[in-house]
Amino acid sequence: MNKEEILKKAQNKKHNKLDEMEMDILLRSNHIGLIVGLIVCLITMAIKIYFNQPYQDIYSIYCSIICAQYVYKWIRQREKSSLFCALLWGLTTILLFVVYIMKIS
């Protein structure tokens, strides 16, 4: 590949398309965000348990975030495993929310 071909490819790159480094950073940031979110959920759950309050709402929110990620992945890639995980996380979200509603009623 000569310099002109490389330059032409760089110029034809779509502005909204991420390169490999940007994709890696995005994936790692999502992973770190999920871990931090889980830690915050655990701390909040411990506080709610200490004050004898139901804590399932915290996990229903966290599970809905994971469900949304799998739904987006399924929409973009049409992998059956992503759809299965999305359904599983969605059902877990609904179950936790129903348990929470039952406990506060």
Protein backbone atom coordinates (compact mmCIF):
# COMPACT_ATOMS: atom_id res chain seq x y z
CA MET A 1 0.00 0.00 0.00
CA ASN A 2 1.43 3.35 -0.93
CA LYS A 3 0.99 6.68 0.81
CA GLU A 4 -1.80 7.86 -1.51
CA GLU A 5 -3.94 4.78 -0.85
CA ILE A 6 -3.50 5.13 2.91
CA LEU A 7 -4.36 8.82 2.75
CA LYS A 8 -7.43 8.13 0.60
CA LYS A 9 -8.69 5.48 3.08
CA ALA A 10 -8.17 7.84 6.01
CA GLN A 11 -10.08 10.60 4.24
CA ASN A 12 -12.95 8.29 3.30
CA LYS A 13 -13.41 7.13 6.90
CA LYS A 14 -16.85 7.98 8.23
CA HIS A 15 -16.76 10.56 11.00
CA ASN A 16 -19.22 8.67 13.22
CA LYS A 17 -17.44 5.30 12.91
CA LEU A 18 -15.03 4.40 15.72
CA ASP A 19 -11.61 2.95 15.04
CA GLU A 20 -10.24 -0.05 16.95
CA MET A 21 -8.66 2.00 19.74
CA GLU A 22 -11.83 4.02 20.30
CA MET A 23 -13.93 0.83 20.34
CA ASP A 24 -11.58 -0.75 22.89
CA ILE A 25 -11.80 2.32 25.12
CA LEU A 26 -15.60 2.33 24.83
CA LEU A 27 -15.85 -1.36 25.74
CA ARG A 28 -13.51 -1.00 28.69
CA SER A 29 -15.36 2.07 29.95
CA ASN A 30 -18.66 0.19 29.77
CA HIS A 31 -17.12 -2.69 31.71
CA ILE A 32 -15.70 -0.39 34.38
CA GLY A 33 -19.02 1.46 34.58
CA LEU A 34 -20.89 -1.80 35.22
CA ILE A 35 -18.43 -2.81 37.95
CA VAL A 36 -18.69 0.58 39.66
CA GLY A 37 -22.49 0.42 39.37
CA LEU A 38 -22.48 -3.02 41.00
CA ILE A 39 -20.32 -1.75 43.86
CA VAL A 40 -22.69 1.19 44.41
CA CYS A 41 -25.64 -1.24 44.36
CA LEU A 42 -23.95 -3.43 46.98
CA ILE A 43 -23.26 -0.45 49.23
CA THR A 44 -26.81 0.84 48.83
CA MET A 45 -28.19 -2.64 49.49
CA ALA A 46 -26.15 -2.92 52.69
CA ILE A 47 -27.50 0.43 53.89
CA LYS A 48 -31.08 -0.56 53.06
CA ILE A 49 -30.70 -3.91 54.84
CA TYR A 50 -29.25 -2.13 57.87
CA PHE A 51 -32.31 0.15 58.03
CA ASN A 52 -34.63 -2.81 57.35
CA GLN A 53 -35.87 -1.54 53.97
CA PRO A 54 -36.50 -3.58 50.80
CA TYR A 55 -33.55 -3.45 48.42
CA GLN A 56 -34.83 -5.20 45.29
CA ASP A 57 -35.42 -1.87 43.55
CA ILE A 58 -31.68 -1.27 43.37
CA TYR A 59 -31.05 -4.55 41.59
CA SER A 60 -34.03 -4.17 39.26
CA ILE A 61 -32.44 -0.93 38.01
CA TYR A 62 -29.04 -2.59 37.59
CA CYS A 63 -30.55 -5.59 35.79
CA SER A 64 -32.50 -3.28 33.46
CA ILE A 65 -29.24 -1.58 32.45
CA ILE A 66 -27.66 -4.93 31.58
CA CYS A 67 -30.86 -5.97 29.76
CA ALA A 68 -30.74 -2.81 27.65
CA GLN A 69 -27.13 -3.52 26.68
CA TYR A 70 -28.05 -7.01 25.48
CA VAL A 71 -31.11 -5.73 23.62
CA TYR A 72 -28.95 -3.20 21.79
CA LYS A 73 -26.36 -5.87 21.00
CA TRP A 74 -29.10 -8.16 19.68
CA ILE A 75 -30.58 -5.41 17.51
CA ARG A 76 -27.16 -4.68 16.00
CA GLN A 77 -25.81 -8.24 15.63
CA ARG A 78 -28.88 -10.53 15.69
CA GLU A 79 -27.10 -13.12 17.85
CA LYS A 80 -29.45 -15.55 19.56
CA SER A 81 -27.27 -15.60 22.66
CA SER A 82 -27.75 -11.83 23.06
CA LEU A 83 -31.51 -12.21 22.73
CA PHE A 84 -31.51 -15.02 25.31
CA CYS A 85 -29.46 -12.92 27.76
CA ALA A 86 -31.71 -9.90 27.16
CA LEU A 87 -34.81 -11.95 27.91
CA LEU A 88 -33.20 -13.46 31.00
CA TRP A 89 -32.11 -10.09 32.37
CA GLY A 90 -35.49 -8.59 31.49
CA LEU A 91 -37.35 -11.30 33.38
CA THR A 92 -35.00 -10.86 36.32
CA THR A 93 -35.70 -7.13 36.29
CA ILE A 94 -39.46 -7.69 36.30
CA LEU A 95 -39.24 -10.31 39.04
CA LEU A 96 -37.12 -8.10 41.29
CA PHE A 97 -39.43 -5.14 40.72
CA VAL A 98 -42.54 -7.20 41.51
CA VAL A 99 -40.90 -8.48 44.72
CA TYR A 100 -40.03 -4.89 45.65
CA ILE A 101 -43.61 -3.69 45.02
CA MET A 102 -44.97 -6.58 47.11
CA LYS A 103 -42.64 -5.72 50.01
CA ILE A 104 -43.53 -2.03 50.11
CA SER A 105 -47.28 -2.67 49.88
